[in-house]
PDB file of all heavy atoms in Angstrom:
ATOM      1  N   LEU A   1     -18.381  -7.977   2.686  1.00  0.00           N
ATOM      2  CA  LEU A   1     -17.576  -7.658   1.525  1.00  0.00           C
ATOM      3  C   LEU A   1     -17.674  -6.123   1.172  1.00  0.00           C
ATOM      4  O   LEU A   1     -16.691  -5.569   0.814  1.00  0.00           O
ATOM      5  CB  LEU A   1     -18.078  -8.468   0.383  1.00  0.00           C
ATOM      6  CG  LEU A   1     -17.763  -9.980   0.414  1.00  0.00           C
ATOM      7  CD1 LEU A   1     -18.402 -10.735  -0.766  1.00  0.00           C
ATOM      8  CD2 LEU A   1     -16.339 -10.296   0.490  1.00  0.00           C
ATOM      9  N   PHE A   2     -18.825  -5.540   1.338  1.00  0.00           N
ATOM     10  CA  PHE A   2     -18.994  -4.080   1.023  1.00  0.00           C
ATOM     11  C   PHE A   2     -18.055  -3.291   2.074  1.00  0.00           C
ATOM     12  O   PHE A   2     -17.508  -2.356   1.581  1.00  0.00           O
ATOM     13  CB  PHE A   2     -20.441  -3.693   1.195  1.00  0.00           C
ATOM     14  CG  PHE A   2     -20.740  -2.293   0.983  1.00  0.00           C
ATOM     15  CD1 PHE A   2     -20.590  -1.777  -0.374  1.00  0.00           C
ATOM     16  CD2 PHE A   2     -21.033  -1.425   1.933  1.00  0.00           C
ATOM     17  CE1 PHE A   2     -20.799  -0.479  -0.687  1.00  0.00           C
ATOM     18  CE2 PHE A   2     -21.206  -0.097   1.664  1.00  0.00           C
ATOM     19  CZ  PHE A   2     -21.138   0.442   0.374  1.00  0.00           C
ATOM     20  N   SER A   3     -17.999  -3.683   3.253  1.00  0.00           N
ATOM     21  CA  SER A   3     -17.178  -2.928   4.184  1.00  0.00           C
ATOM     22  C   SER A   3     -15.745  -2.880   3.813  1.00  0.00           C
ATOM     23  O   SER A   3     -14.987  -1.919   3.978  1.00  0.00           O
ATOM     24  CB  SER A   3     -17.368  -3.554   5.653  1.00  0.00           C
ATOM     25  OG  SER A   3     -16.721  -4.778   5.778  1.00  0.00           O
ATOM     26  N   PHE A   4     -15.203  -4.049   3.236  1.00  0.00           N
ATOM     27  CA  PHE A   4     -13.810  -4.025   2.784  1.00  0.00           C
ATOM     28  C   PHE A   4     -13.648  -3.185   1.551  1.00  0.00           C
ATOM     29  O   PHE A   4     -12.708  -2.391   1.495  1.00  0.00           O
ATOM     30  CB  PHE A   4     -13.344  -5.451   2.410  1.00  0.00           C
ATOM     31  CG  PHE A   4     -12.909  -6.184   3.561  1.00  0.00           C
ATOM     32  CD1 PHE A   4     -13.708  -7.326   4.034  1.00  0.00           C
ATOM     33  CD2 PHE A   4     -11.879  -5.901   4.337  1.00  0.00           C
ATOM     34  CE1 PHE A   4     -13.300  -8.102   5.076  1.00  0.00           C
ATOM     35  CE2 PHE A   4     -11.404  -6.595   5.403  1.00  0.00           C
ATOM     36  CZ  PHE A   4     -12.158  -7.717   5.757  1.00  0.00           C
ATOM     37  N   SER A   5     -14.597  -3.115   0.631  1.00  0.00           N
ATOM     38  CA  SER A   5     -14.447  -2.176  -0.552  1.00  0.00           C
ATOM     39  C   SER A   5     -14.488  -0.756  -0.103  1.00  0.00           C
ATOM     40  O   SER A   5     -13.782   0.113  -0.692  1.00  0.00           O
ATOM     41  CB  SER A   5     -15.552  -2.472  -1.527  1.00  0.00           C
ATOM     42  OG  SER A   5     -16.770  -2.215  -1.118  1.00  0.00           O
ATOM     43  N   THR A   6     -15.206  -0.426   0.910  1.00  0.00           N
ATOM     44  CA  THR A   6     -15.373   1.046   1.396  1.00  0.00           C
ATOM     45  C   THR A   6     -13.980   1.415   1.973  1.00  0.00           C
ATOM     46  O   THR A   6     -13.461   2.518   1.694  1.00  0.00           O
ATOM     47  CB  THR A   6     -16.408   1.171   2.387  1.00  0.00           C
ATOM     48  OG1 THR A   6     -17.636   0.707   1.815  1.00  0.00           O
ATOM     49  CG2 THR A   6     -16.490   2.594   2.924  1.00  0.00           C
ATOM     50  N   VAL A   7     -13.375   0.567   2.763  1.00  0.00           N
ATOM     51  CA  VAL A   7     -12.036   0.840   3.379  1.00  0.00           C
ATOM     52  C   VAL A   7     -10.957   1.084   2.268  1.00  0.00           C
ATOM     53  O   VAL A   7     -10.253   2.059   2.399  1.00  0.00           O
ATOM     54  CB  VAL A   7     -11.618  -0.300   4.316  1.00  0.00           C
ATOM     55  CG1 VAL A   7     -10.168  -0.068   4.781  1.00  0.00           C
ATOM     56  CG2 VAL A   7     -12.512  -0.351   5.512  1.00  0.00           C
ATOM     57  N   GLU A   8     -10.965   0.259   1.234  1.00  0.00           N
ATOM     58  CA  GLU A   8     -10.043   0.396   0.174  1.00  0.00           C
ATOM     59  C   GLU A   8     -10.271   1.796  -0.439  1.00  0.00           C
ATOM     60  O   GLU A   8      -9.246   2.429  -0.859  1.00  0.00           O
ATOM     61  CB  GLU A   8     -10.088  -0.747  -0.804  1.00  0.00           C
ATOM     62  CG  GLU A   8      -9.567  -1.969  -0.205  1.00  0.00           C
ATOM     63  CD  GLU A   8      -9.741  -3.222  -1.185  1.00  0.00           C
ATOM     64  OE1 GLU A   8      -9.337  -2.972  -2.394  1.00  0.00           O
ATOM     65  OE2 GLU A   8     -10.243  -4.236  -0.802  1.00  0.00           O
ATOM     66  N   LYS A   9     -11.422   2.120  -0.764  1.00  0.00           N
ATOM     67  CA  LYS A   9     -11.728   3.356  -1.463  1.00  0.00           C
ATOM     68  C   LYS A   9     -11.293   4.513  -0.657  1.00  0.00           C
ATOM     69  O   LYS A   9     -10.671   5.410  -1.216  1.00  0.00           O
ATOM     70  CB  LYS A   9     -13.194   3.387  -1.684  1.00  0.00           C
ATOM     71  CG  LYS A   9     -13.646   4.640  -2.557  1.00  0.00           C
ATOM     72  CD  LYS A   9     -15.047   4.631  -2.847  1.00  0.00           C
ATOM     73  CE  LYS A   9     -15.588   5.776  -3.611  1.00  0.00           C
ATOM     74  NZ  LYS A   9     -16.964   5.892  -3.797  1.00  0.00           N
ATOM     75  N   ASP A  10     -11.484   4.535   0.638  1.00  0.00           N
ATOM     76  CA  ASP A  10     -11.046   5.601   1.528  1.00  0.00           C
ATOM     77  C   ASP A  10      -9.596   5.672   1.576  1.00  0.00           C
ATOM     78  O   ASP A  10      -8.949   6.801   1.493  1.00  0.00           O
ATOM     79  CB  ASP A  10     -11.537   5.433   2.998  1.00  0.00           C
ATOM     80  CG  ASP A  10     -13.045   5.608   3.076  1.00  0.00           C
ATOM     81  OD1 ASP A  10     -13.643   6.181   2.278  1.00  0.00           O
ATOM     82  OD2 ASP A  10     -13.569   5.168   4.134  1.00  0.00           O
ATOM     83  N   ASP A  11      -8.775   4.515   1.577  1.00  0.00           N
ATOM     84  CA  ASP A  11      -7.338   4.596   1.539  1.00  0.00           C
ATOM     85  C   ASP A  11      -6.860   5.130   0.271  1.00  0.00           C
ATOM     86  O   ASP A  11      -5.899   5.910   0.221  1.00  0.00           O
ATOM     87  CB  ASP A  11      -6.821   3.136   1.642  1.00  0.00           C
ATOM     88  CG  ASP A  11      -6.963   2.595   3.061  1.00  0.00           C
ATOM     89  OD1 ASP A  11      -7.255   3.399   3.958  1.00  0.00           O
ATOM     90  OD2 ASP A  11      -6.795   1.440   3.243  1.00  0.00           O
ATOM     91  N   ILE A  12      -7.422   4.828  -0.851  1.00  0.00           N
ATOM     92  CA  ILE A  12      -6.966   5.415  -2.163  1.00  0.00           C
ATOM     93  C   ILE A  12      -7.309   6.913  -2.202  1.00  0.00           C
ATOM     94  O   ILE A  12      -6.377   7.632  -2.659  1.00  0.00           O
ATOM     95  CB  ILE A  12      -7.775   4.677  -3.343  1.00  0.00           C
ATOM     96  CG1 ILE A  12      -7.344   3.230  -3.416  1.00  0.00           C
ATOM     97  CG2 ILE A  12      -7.569   5.437  -4.650  1.00  0.00           C
ATOM     98  CD1 ILE A  12      -8.210   2.386  -4.365  1.00  0.00           C
ATOM     99  N   SER A  13      -8.388   7.366  -1.688  1.00  0.00           N
ATOM    100  CA  SER A  13      -8.590   8.828  -1.729  1.00  0.00           C
ATOM    101  C   SER A  13      -7.655   9.528  -0.868  1.00  0.00           C
ATOM    102  O   SER A  13      -7.148  10.702  -1.175  1.00  0.00           O
ATOM    103  CB  SER A  13     -10.080   9.218  -1.356  1.00  0.00           C
ATOM    104  OG  SER A  13     -10.311   8.852  -0.048  1.00  0.00           O
ATOM    105  N   ASP A  14      -7.253   9.031   0.278  1.00  0.00           N
ATOM    106  CA  ASP A  14      -6.328   9.606   1.192  1.00  0.00           C
ATOM    107  C   ASP A  14      -4.991   9.810   0.486  1.00  0.00           C
ATOM    108  O   ASP A  14      -4.294  10.823   0.616  1.00  0.00           O
ATOM    109  CB  ASP A  14      -6.164   8.918   2.480  1.00  0.00           C
ATOM    110  CG  ASP A  14      -7.280   8.987   3.479  1.00  0.00           C
ATOM    111  OD1 ASP A  14      -8.069   9.929   3.174  1.00  0.00           O
ATOM    112  OD2 ASP A  14      -7.367   8.257   4.395  1.00  0.00           O
ATOM    113  N   ASN A  15      -4.505   8.783  -0.307  1.00  0.00           N
ATOM    114  CA  ASN A  15      -3.264   8.806  -0.919  1.00  0.00           C
ATOM    115  C   ASN A  15      -3.275   9.832  -2.011  1.00  0.00           C
ATOM    116  O   ASN A  15      -2.213  10.443  -2.324  1.00  0.00           O
ATOM    117  CB  ASN A  15      -2.934   7.419  -1.434  1.00  0.00           C
ATOM    118  CG  ASN A  15      -2.482   6.494  -0.370  1.00  0.00           C
ATOM    119  OD1 ASN A  15      -2.096   6.976   0.784  1.00  0.00           O
ATOM    120  ND2 ASN A  15      -2.548   5.221  -0.578  1.00  0.00           N
ATOM    121  N   SER A  16      -4.334   9.909  -2.753  1.00  0.00           N
ATOM    122  CA  SER A  16      -4.441  10.906  -3.917  1.00  0.00           C
ATOM    123  C   SER A  16      -4.300  12.392  -3.444  1.00  0.00           C
ATOM    124  O   SER A  16      -3.975  13.206  -4.185  1.00  0.00           O
ATOM    125  CB  SER A  16      -5.547  10.603  -4.718  1.00  0.00           C
ATOM    126  OG  SER A  16      -6.811  10.842  -4.064  1.00  0.00           O
ATOM    127  N   GLN A  17      -4.631  12.605  -2.127  1.00  0.00           N
ATOM    128  CA  GLN A  17      -4.718  13.893  -1.655  1.00  0.00           C
ATOM    129  C   GLN A  17      -3.290  14.445  -1.315  1.00  0.00           C
ATOM    130  O   GLN A  17      -2.993  15.593  -1.225  1.00  0.00           O
ATOM    131  CB  GLN A  17      -5.566  14.032  -0.444  1.00  0.00           C
ATOM    132  CG  GLN A  17      -7.089  14.003  -0.756  1.00  0.00           C
ATOM    133  CD  GLN A  17      -7.855  13.970   0.552  1.00  0.00           C
ATOM    134  OE1 GLN A  17      -7.359  13.945   1.587  1.00  0.00           O
ATOM    135  NE2 GLN A  17      -9.185  14.016   0.416  1.00  0.00           N
ATOM    136  N   SER A  18      -2.309  13.512  -1.105  1.00  0.00           N
ATOM    137  CA  SER A  18      -1.079  13.778  -0.746  1.00  0.00           C
ATOM    138  C   SER A  18      -0.049  13.813  -1.850  1.00  0.00           C
ATOM    139  O   SER A  18       0.012  12.899  -2.650  1.00  0.00           O
ATOM    140  CB  SER A  18      -0.658  12.661   0.234  1.00  0.00           C
ATOM    141  OG  SER A  18       0.696  12.737   0.636  1.00  0.00           O
ATOM    142  N   GLU A  19       0.671  14.864  -1.992  1.00  0.00           N
ATOM    143  CA  GLU A  19       1.683  14.995  -3.028  1.00  0.00           C
ATOM    144  C   GLU A  19       2.935  14.503  -2.500  1.00  0.00           C
ATOM    145  O   GLU A  19       3.314  14.729  -1.363  1.00  0.00           O
ATOM    146  CB  GLU A  19       1.842  16.411  -3.509  1.00  0.00           C
ATOM    147  CG  GLU A  19       0.725  16.963  -4.262  1.00  0.00           C
ATOM    148  CD  GLU A  19       0.911  18.440  -4.731  1.00  0.00           C
ATOM    149  OE1 GLU A  19       2.033  18.754  -4.976  1.00  0.00           O
ATOM    150  OE2 GLU A  19      -0.071  19.104  -4.812  1.00  0.00           O
ATOM    151  N   LYS A  20       3.703  13.771  -3.333  1.00  0.00           N
ATOM    152  CA  LYS A  20       5.044  13.248  -2.843  1.00  0.00           C
ATOM    153  C   LYS A  20       6.002  14.451  -2.768  1.00  0.00           C
ATOM    154  O   LYS A  20       6.059  15.238  -3.719  1.00  0.00           O
ATOM    155  CB  LYS A  20       5.489  12.164  -3.812  1.00  0.00           C
ATOM    156  CG  LYS A  20       6.698  11.475  -3.389  1.00  0.00           C
ATOM    157  CD  LYS A  20       7.052  10.335  -4.212  1.00  0.00           C
ATOM    158  CE  LYS A  20       8.320   9.745  -3.739  1.00  0.00           C
ATOM    159  NZ  LYS A  20       8.695   8.594  -4.488  1.00  0.00           N
ATOM    160  N   VAL A  21       6.830  14.361  -1.789  1.00  0.00           N
ATOM    161  CA  VAL A  21       7.905  15.282  -1.675  1.00  0.00           C
ATOM    162  C   VAL A  21       9.173  14.648  -2.104  1.00  0.00           C
ATOM    163  O   VAL A  21       9.699  13.694  -1.458  1.00  0.00           O
ATOM    164  CB  VAL A  21       8.093  15.834  -0.252  1.00  0.00           C
ATOM    165  CG1 VAL A  21       9.379  16.761  -0.111  1.00  0.00           C
ATOM    166  CG2 VAL A  21       6.857  16.655   0.274  1.00  0.00           C
ATOM    167  N   ASP A  22       9.640  14.966  -3.313  1.00  0.00           N
ATOM    168  CA  ASP A  22      10.857  14.386  -3.837  1.00  0.00           C
ATOM    169  C   ASP A  22      11.995  15.162  -3.347  1.00  0.00           C
ATOM    170  O   ASP A  22      12.080  16.430  -3.593  1.00  0.00           O
ATOM    171  CB  ASP A  22      10.849  14.303  -5.412  1.00  0.00           C
ATOM    172  CG  ASP A  22       9.912  13.325  -5.932  1.00  0.00           C
ATOM    173  OD1 ASP A  22       9.845  12.176  -5.300  1.00  0.00           O
ATOM    174  OD2 ASP A  22       9.213  13.654  -6.922  1.00  0.00           O
ATOM    175  N   ILE A  23      12.953  14.497  -2.688  1.00  0.00           N
ATOM    176  CA  ILE A  23      14.165  15.208  -2.288  1.00  0.00           C
ATOM    177  C   ILE A  23      15.121  15.198  -3.523  1.00  0.00           C
ATOM    178  O   ILE A  23      15.472  14.072  -3.970  1.00  0.00           O
ATOM    179  CB  ILE A  23      14.815  14.514  -1.104  1.00  0.00           C
ATOM    180  CG1 ILE A  23      13.767  14.473   0.072  1.00  0.00           C
ATOM    181  CG2 ILE A  23      16.147  15.183  -0.703  1.00  0.00           C
ATOM    182  CD1 ILE A  23      14.158  13.734   1.315  1.00  0.00           C
ATOM    183  N   PRO A  24      15.484  16.388  -4.095  1.00  0.00           N
ATOM    184  CA  PRO A  24      16.301  16.438  -5.231  1.00  0.00           C
ATOM    185  C   PRO A  24      17.670  15.769  -5.024  1.00  0.00           C
ATOM    186  O   PRO A  24      18.156  15.640  -3.891  1.00  0.00           O
ATOM    187  CB  PRO A  24      16.506  17.924  -5.480  1.00  0.00           C
ATOM    188  CG  PRO A  24      15.596  18.607  -4.608  1.00  0.00           C
ATOM    189  CD  PRO A  24      15.176  17.676  -3.423  1.00  0.00           C
ATOM    190  N   GLU A  25      18.284  15.388  -6.098  1.00  0.00           N
ATOM    191  CA  GLU A  25      19.582  14.661  -6.148  1.00  0.00           C
ATOM    192  C   GLU A  25      20.645  15.432  -5.434  1.00  0.00           C
ATOM    193  O   GLU A  25      21.582  14.811  -4.892  1.00  0.00           O
ATOM    194  CB  GLU A  25      19.989  14.384  -7.595  1.00  0.00           C
ATOM    195  CG  GLU A  25      19.111  13.222  -8.132  1.00  0.00           C
ATOM    196  CD  GLU A  25      19.568  12.929  -9.622  1.00  0.00           C
ATOM    197  OE1 GLU A  25      20.761  13.039  -9.967  1.00  0.00           O
ATOM    198  OE2 GLU A  25      18.751  12.336 -10.372  1.00  0.00           O
ATOM    199  N   HIS A  26      20.639  16.860  -5.512  1.00  0.00           N
ATOM    200  CA  HIS A  26      21.653  17.656  -4.911  1.00  0.00           C
ATOM    201  C   HIS A  26      21.509  17.763  -3.481  1.00  0.00           C
ATOM    202  O   HIS A  26      22.451  18.134  -2.680  1.00  0.00           O
ATOM    203  CB  HIS A  26      21.908  19.017  -5.630  1.00  0.00           C
ATOM    204  CG  HIS A  26      20.743  19.919  -5.464  1.00  0.00           C
ATOM    205  ND1 HIS A  26      19.488  19.732  -6.020  1.00  0.00           N
ATOM    206  CD2 HIS A  26      20.609  21.107  -4.738  1.00  0.00           C
ATOM    207  CE1 HIS A  26      18.709  20.741  -5.648  1.00  0.00           C
ATOM    208  NE2 HIS A  26      19.381  21.588  -4.844  1.00  0.00           N
ATOM    209  N   ILE A  27      20.328  17.517  -2.930  1.00  0.00           N
ATOM    210  CA  ILE A  27      19.923  17.729  -1.484  1.00  0.00           C
ATOM    211  C   ILE A  27      20.002  16.266  -0.755  1.00  0.00           C
ATOM    212  O   ILE A  27      20.471  16.213   0.405  1.00  0.00           O
ATOM    213  CB  ILE A  27      18.528  18.295  -1.364  1.00  0.00           C
ATOM    214  CG1 ILE A  27      18.538  19.676  -1.928  1.00  0.00           C
ATOM    215  CG2 ILE A  27      18.179  18.342   0.130  1.00  0.00           C
ATOM    216  CD1 ILE A  27      19.320  20.694  -1.386  1.00  0.00           C
ATOM    217  N   LEU A  28      19.703  15.283  -1.468  1.00  0.00           N
ATOM    218  CA  LEU A  28      19.656  13.953  -0.823  1.00  0.00           C
ATOM    219  C   LEU A  28      20.966  13.602  -0.164  1.00  0.00           C
ATOM    220  O   LEU A  28      21.036  13.117   0.924  1.00  0.00           O
ATOM    221  CB  LEU A  28      19.238  12.883  -1.815  1.00  0.00           C
ATOM    222  CG  LEU A  28      18.928  11.516  -1.337  1.00  0.00           C
ATOM    223  CD1 LEU A  28      17.871  11.476  -0.277  1.00  0.00           C
ATOM    224  CD2 LEU A  28      18.613  10.546  -2.471  1.00  0.00           C
ATOM    225  N   PRO A  29      22.226  13.807  -0.790  1.00  0.00           N
ATOM    226  CA  PRO A  29      23.383  13.448  -0.123  1.00  0.00           C
ATOM    227  C   PRO A  29      23.605  14.214   1.226  1.00  0.00           C
ATOM    228  O   PRO A  29      24.256  13.746   2.080  1.00  0.00           O
ATOM    229  CB  PRO A  29      24.501  13.763  -1.138  1.00  0.00           C
ATOM    230  CG  PRO A  29      23.812  13.892  -2.509  1.00  0.00           C
ATOM    231  CD  PRO A  29      22.329  14.185  -2.215  1.00  0.00           C
ATOM    232  N   ILE A  30      23.122  15.410   1.175  1.00  0.00           N
ATOM    233  CA  ILE A  30      23.220  16.246   2.382  1.00  0.00           C
ATOM    234  C   ILE A  30      22.492  15.591   3.544  1.00  0.00           C
ATOM    235  O   ILE A  30      22.943  15.359   4.766  1.00  0.00           O
ATOM    236  CB  ILE A  30      22.865  17.619   2.195  1.00  0.00           C
ATOM    237  CG1 ILE A  30      23.597  18.340   1.215  1.00  0.00           C
ATOM    238  CG2 ILE A  30      22.874  18.545   3.528  1.00  0.00           C
ATOM    239  CD1 ILE A  30      23.073  19.659   0.563  1.00  0.00           C
ATOM    240  N   PHE A  31      21.248  15.239   3.236  1.00  0.00           N
ATOM    241  CA  PHE A  31      20.419  14.608   4.337  1.00  0.00           C
ATOM    242  C   PHE A  31      21.019  13.212   4.668  1.00  0.00           C
ATOM    243  O   PHE A  31      21.007  12.825   5.807  1.00  0.00           O
ATOM    244  CB  PHE A  31      18.967  14.462   3.839  1.00  0.00           C
ATOM    245  CG  PHE A  31      18.241  15.799   3.818  1.00  0.00           C
ATOM    246  CD1 PHE A  31      17.133  15.971   3.012  1.00  0.00           C
ATOM    247  CD2 PHE A  31      18.553  16.819   4.716  1.00  0.00           C
ATOM    248  CE1 PHE A  31      16.417  17.146   3.008  1.00  0.00           C
ATOM    249  CE2 PHE A  31      17.808  17.951   4.766  1.00  0.00           C
ATOM    250  CZ  PHE A  31      16.648  18.093   3.855  1.00  0.00           C
ATOM    251  N   LYS A  32      21.420  12.534   3.657  1.00  0.00           N
ATOM    252  CA  LYS A  32      22.045  11.171   4.042  1.00  0.00           C
ATOM    253  C   LYS A  32      23.223  11.303   4.951  1.00  0.00           C
ATOM    254  O   LYS A  32      23.304  10.535   5.882  1.00  0.00           O
ATOM    255  CB  LYS A  32      22.548  10.534   2.710  1.00  0.00           C
ATOM    256  CG  LYS A  32      21.391   9.901   1.955  1.00  0.00           C
ATOM    257  CD  LYS A  32      21.958   9.098   0.660  1.00  0.00           C
ATOM    258  CE  LYS A  32      20.828   8.413  -0.015  1.00  0.00           C
ATOM    259  NZ  LYS A  32      21.200   7.701  -1.279  1.00  0.00           N
ATOM    260  N   LYS A  33      24.048  12.249   4.648  1.00  0.00           N
ATOM    261  CA  LYS A  33      25.210  12.530   5.532  1.00  0.00           C
ATOM    262  C   LYS A  33      24.809  13.028   6.860  1.00  0.00           C
ATOM    263  O   LYS A  33      25.396  12.554   7.915  1.00  0.00           O
ATOM    264  CB  LYS A  33      26.127  13.584   4.868  1.00  0.00           C
ATOM    265  CG  LYS A  33      27.413  13.921   5.667  1.00  0.00           C
ATOM    266  CD  LYS A  33      28.133  15.043   5.009  1.00  0.00           C
ATOM    267  CE  LYS A  33      27.646  16.434   5.508  1.00  0.00           C
ATOM    268  NZ  LYS A  33      28.436  17.510   5.192  1.00  0.00           N
ATOM    269  N   SER A  34      23.996  13.979   6.992  1.00  0.00           N
ATOM    270  CA  SER A  34      23.837  14.709   8.315  1.00  0.00           C
ATOM    271  C   SER A  34      22.549  14.311   8.983  1.00  0.00           C
ATOM    272  O   SER A  34      22.383  14.614  10.215  1.00  0.00           O
ATOM    273  CB  SER A  34      23.688  16.195   8.075  1.00  0.00           C
ATOM    274  OG  SER A  34      24.846  16.642   7.533  1.00  0.00           O
ATOM    275  N   CYS A  35      21.509  13.614   8.366  1.00  0.00           N
ATOM    276  CA  CYS A  35      20.222  13.431   9.022  1.00  0.00           C
ATOM    277  C   CYS A  35      19.753  11.950   9.118  1.00  0.00           C
ATOM    278  O   CYS A  35      19.118  11.515   9.979  1.00  0.00           O
ATOM    279  CB  CYS A  35      19.162  14.154   8.266  1.00  0.00           C
ATOM    280  SG  CYS A  35      19.472  15.932   8.014  1.00  0.00           S
ATOM    281  N   PHE A  36      20.198  11.070   8.093  1.00  0.00           N
ATOM    282  CA  PHE A  36      19.573   9.788   7.941  1.00  0.00           C
ATOM    283  C   PHE A  36      20.050   8.720   9.007  1.00  0.00           C
ATOM    284  O   PHE A  36      19.309   7.720   9.203  1.00  0.00           O
ATOM    285  CB  PHE A  36      19.861   9.234   6.542  1.00  0.00           C
ATOM    286  CG  PHE A  36      18.932   9.642   5.410  1.00  0.00           C
ATOM    287  CD1 PHE A  36      18.284  10.831   5.544  1.00  0.00           C
ATOM    288  CD2 PHE A  36      18.829   8.989   4.313  1.00  0.00           C
ATOM    289  CE1 PHE A  36      17.504  11.358   4.520  1.00  0.00           C
ATOM    290  CE2 PHE A  36      17.995   9.394   3.326  1.00  0.00           C
ATOM    291  CZ  PHE A  36      17.311  10.620   3.458  1.00  0.00           C
ATOM    292  N   ASP A  37      21.114   9.004   9.675  1.00  0.00           N
ATOM    293  CA  ASP A  37      21.497   8.021  10.735  1.00  0.00           C
ATOM    294  C   ASP A  37      20.410   7.982  11.767  1.00  0.00           C
ATOM    295  O   ASP A  37      20.334   6.984  12.438  1.00  0.00           O
ATOM    296  CB  ASP A  37      22.817   8.499  11.396  1.00  0.00           C
ATOM    297  CG  ASP A  37      24.020   8.228  10.544  1.00  0.00           C
ATOM    298  OD1 ASP A  37      23.943   7.448   9.506  1.00  0.00           O
ATOM    299  OD2 ASP A  37      25.179   8.633  10.892  1.00  0.00           O
ATOM    300  N   CYS A  38      19.692   9.047  12.017  1.00  0.00           N
ATOM    301  CA  CYS A  38      18.723   9.183  13.038  1.00  0.00           C
ATOM    302  C   CYS A  38      17.271   9.251  12.581  1.00  0.00           C
ATOM    303  O   CYS A  38      16.301   8.946  13.201  1.00  0.00           O
ATOM    304  CB  CYS A  38      18.953  10.383  13.995  1.00  0.00           C
ATOM    305  SG  CYS A  38      20.584  10.240  14.816  1.00  0.00           S
TER     306      CYS A  38
END
């Protein structure tokens, strides 16, 4: 049981170190048009 709680704790800390990159509303349509197919 302890091994599972350690894994979850590590996963949470990894996610907190990463900031989300929000693609702004004026950029998203460009990427959808030109990039998202691939």
